[in-house]
Protein backbone atom coordinates (compact mmCIF):
# COMPACT_ATOMS: atom_id res chain seq x y z
CA MET A 1 49.65 66.94 13.39
CA LYS A 2 52.12 65.66 15.98
CA ARG A 3 49.39 66.25 18.72
CA ILE A 4 46.79 64.19 16.75
CA LEU A 5 49.34 61.38 16.34
CA HIS A 6 49.86 61.20 20.21
CA ILE A 7 46.14 61.28 20.91
CA THR A 8 45.44 58.54 18.39
CA SER A 9 48.36 56.39 19.73
CA ILE A 10 47.06 56.83 23.40
CA ALA A 11 43.50 56.10 22.40
CA PHE A 12 44.77 52.96 20.41
CA LEU A 13 46.68 51.73 23.55
CA LEU A 14 43.73 52.25 25.94
CA LEU A 15 41.25 50.45 23.54
CA SER A 16 43.72 47.52 23.03
CA ALA A 17 44.16 47.20 26.88
CA SER A 18 40.46 47.16 27.28
CA TYR A 19 40.00 44.49 24.59
CA ALA A 20 42.86 42.34 26.02
CA SER A 21 41.29 42.51 29.61
CA HIS A 22 38.12 40.76 28.23
CA ALA A 23 40.26 37.86 27.03
CA GLN A 24 40.95 36.54 30.52
CA ALA A 25 40.01 32.88 31.31
CA VAL A 26 36.84 31.96 33.32
CA PRO A 27 37.84 30.90 36.85
CA ALA A 28 38.88 27.22 37.00
CA ALA A 29 37.99 26.75 40.69
CA THR A 30 34.39 25.99 40.02
CA ARG A 31 33.24 22.43 39.51
CA GLY A 32 29.97 20.65 39.24
CA GLY A 33 28.83 17.88 41.55
CA SER A 34 30.55 14.60 42.35
CA ILE A 35 29.19 11.13 42.23
CA GLN A 36 30.14 8.26 44.54
CA LEU A 37 29.14 4.65 43.96
CA GLY A 38 29.86 1.76 46.46
CA GLY A 39 29.02 -1.32 48.08
CA GLY A 40 29.52 -3.09 51.40
CA PHE A 41 28.42 -5.51 54.01
CA SER A 42 25.52 -4.76 56.35
CA PHE A 43 24.01 -6.17 59.27
CA ALA A 44 20.83 -5.32 61.15
CA LYS A 45 19.11 -5.65 64.53
CA PRO A 46 15.74 -6.48 63.10
CA ASP A 47 13.41 -5.67 66.04
CA TYR A 48 11.61 -8.92 65.04
CA GLY A 49 12.96 -12.13 66.29
CA GLN A 50 16.08 -12.57 68.54
CA LYS A 51 19.01 -12.79 66.15
CA ASN A 52 20.80 -10.23 63.81
CA ILE A 53 20.42 -10.48 60.08
CA LYS A 54 23.14 -9.86 57.60
CA GLY A 55 23.40 -9.04 53.90
CA PHE A 56 24.93 -6.73 51.40
CA SER A 57 24.40 -2.97 50.55
CA ALA A 58 24.83 -0.71 47.55
CA TYR A 59 24.88 2.98 47.88
CA GLY A 60 25.27 6.07 45.74
CA ASP A 61 25.81 9.74 46.54
CA TYR A 62 25.62 12.86 44.45
CA ASN A 63 26.88 16.09 45.98
CA PHE A 64 25.42 19.29 44.60
CA THR A 65 27.73 21.45 46.59
CA ARG A 66 30.52 20.89 49.10
CA HIS A 67 28.04 20.14 51.86
CA ILE A 68 24.66 19.26 50.48
CA GLY A 69 23.87 16.10 48.47
CA VAL A 70 21.51 13.14 48.03
CA GLU A 71 22.05 9.51 49.03
CA GLY A 72 20.45 6.30 47.82
CA ASP A 73 20.86 2.98 49.76
CA ILE A 74 19.77 -0.49 49.03
CA HIS A 75 20.09 -2.88 52.05
CA LEU A 76 19.56 -6.53 51.17
CA ASN A 77 19.43 -7.94 54.75
CA SER A 78 17.77 -11.12 53.74
CA VAL A 79 20.95 -13.03 52.81
CA PHE A 80 22.05 -14.50 56.08
CA THR A 81 18.98 -14.96 58.25
CA PRO A 82 19.25 -17.36 61.23
CA GLN A 83 15.49 -17.32 61.92
CA ASP A 84 14.53 -17.08 58.18
CA ILE A 85 13.32 -13.50 58.41
CA GLY A 86 14.80 -10.65 56.31
CA GLU A 87 14.41 -7.05 55.94
CA ASP A 88 15.37 -5.34 52.71
CA SER A 89 15.20 -1.49 52.24
CA TYR A 90 15.42 0.87 49.26
CA LEU A 91 15.97 4.42 50.39
CA LEU A 92 16.60 7.85 49.03
CA GLY A 93 16.96 11.30 50.59
CA PRO A 94 19.09 14.38 51.32
CA ARG A 95 22.42 14.29 53.29
CA TYR A 96 24.73 16.89 54.83
CA VAL A 97 28.46 16.45 54.69
CA PHE A 98 31.11 17.87 57.01
CA HIS A 99 34.84 18.05 56.06
CA PHE A 100 37.76 17.29 58.39
CA HIS A 101 40.87 16.66 56.27
CA ARG A 102 40.38 13.11 54.76
CA PHE A 103 37.37 12.38 56.99
CA GLN A 104 33.86 13.26 55.77
CA PRO A 105 31.23 12.73 58.51
CA TYR A 106 27.61 13.06 57.26
CA ALA A 107 23.98 13.10 58.44
CA LYS A 108 21.09 11.80 56.38
CA PHE A 109 17.29 11.52 56.31
CA LEU A 110 15.91 8.90 53.84
CA GLY A 111 12.60 7.71 52.70
CA GLY A 112 11.47 4.67 50.48
CA ILE A 113 10.07 1.25 50.79
CA GLY A 114 10.97 -1.80 52.91
CA ARG A 115 10.28 -5.51 52.28
CA PHE A 116 9.68 -7.90 55.19
CA VAL A 117 10.50 -11.40 53.95
CA THR A 118 9.79 -14.79 55.55
CA GLN A 119 11.65 -17.89 54.25
CA TYR A 120 10.38 -20.62 56.48
CA ASP A 121 10.82 -24.15 55.26
CA THR A 122 7.24 -25.15 56.46
CA SER A 123 5.54 -22.23 54.74
CA PRO A 124 5.89 -20.64 51.34
CA HIS A 125 8.18 -17.60 50.82
CA GLN A 126 6.30 -14.40 51.63
CA ALA A 127 7.10 -10.73 51.19
CA PHE A 128 5.31 -7.68 52.53
CA THR A 129 6.00 -4.18 51.35
CA TYR A 130 5.79 -0.97 53.56
CA GLY A 131 6.51 2.69 53.30
CA ILE A 132 9.55 3.43 55.57
CA TYR A 133 11.82 6.23 56.57
CA ALA A 134 15.31 6.38 58.23
CA PHE A 135 17.68 8.78 59.73
CA GLY A 136 21.37 8.26 60.43
CA GLY A 137 24.83 9.10 59.49
CA GLY A 138 28.33 7.80 58.99
CA VAL A 139 31.91 8.65 57.96
CA ASP A 140 33.69 8.43 54.58
CA TYR A 141 37.42 8.36 54.53
CA HIS A 142 39.37 9.52 51.41
CA LEU A 143 41.94 6.73 50.87
CA THR A 144 42.99 8.19 47.45
CA SER A 145 41.42 10.99 45.24
CA HIS A 146 38.92 8.52 43.80
CA LEU A 147 38.64 5.77 46.44
CA ASN A 148 36.64 6.16 49.78
CA VAL A 149 36.35 3.68 52.55
CA ARG A 150 33.21 3.85 54.62
CA PRO A 151 34.13 2.44 58.01
CA VAL A 152 30.68 2.95 59.49
CA ASP A 153 27.12 3.99 58.27
CA PHE A 154 24.25 3.78 60.70
CA GLU A 155 20.48 4.00 60.00
CA TYR A 156 17.66 3.93 62.52
CA GLN A 157 14.66 2.75 60.29
CA LYS A 158 11.00 3.24 61.09
CA TRP A 159 8.47 0.93 59.40
CA PRO A 160 5.17 2.47 60.67
CA GLY A 161 2.89 0.18 58.74
CA PHE A 162 4.15 -3.05 60.17
CA ALA A 163 1.81 -4.70 62.67
CA ASP A 164 0.34 -2.50 65.43
CA SER A 165 3.40 -0.62 66.74
CA GLY A 166 5.58 -0.70 63.57
CA LEU A 167 9.02 -1.97 63.15
CA THR A 168 12.36 -0.12 64.16
CA PRO A 169 15.40 -1.93 62.84
CA MET A 170 18.94 -0.58 63.21
CA VAL A 171 21.24 -1.04 60.26
CA TRP A 172 25.04 -0.79 60.17
CA THR A 173 26.99 -0.85 56.99
CA PHE A 174 30.72 -0.76 56.11
CA GLY A 175 32.12 -0.77 52.59
CA ALA A 176 34.15 1.25 49.92
CA ALA A 177 33.25 3.48 46.95
CA TYR A 178 34.76 4.98 43.98
CA THR A 179 34.11 8.73 43.43
CA PHE A 180 33.71 10.40 39.87
CA ARG A 181 34.83 14.00 39.90
């Protein structure tokens, strides 16, 4: 009888240990994506006319993983136009992010639409829409856990449907964003 009691006790302890080991928590180091929404000031060398144009930008990023994400940009470069010519762009595409402490350099390739706007006093306001693409990159700096500063963002845009040879503006943006984690 004593032997059966020992075997039963040992079996009970082994079964309880097995049951308790299944009660461990799921690893907490996993997380979903992060979203960043921001805005800034942009200026462009329009490749049409002699003077730079300026305006405002809004951008948003969604990071699927630590390095791979998607970015959407809206550049309204028809706000400050010395020659009454503006170039607005609405772009979306993938981006790859590198990590160096608080700095996050990135590269991106975007596609979308561009609007070429004329605002001459002597003729009516006209806008022409084109399919465009752009490649570029920049740097985000983590100021706090939720606030990022974007000291530079550069895009080389290609507007292939514009006139005979297309349009190739270069757009620079700087701004700030809030990150939702």
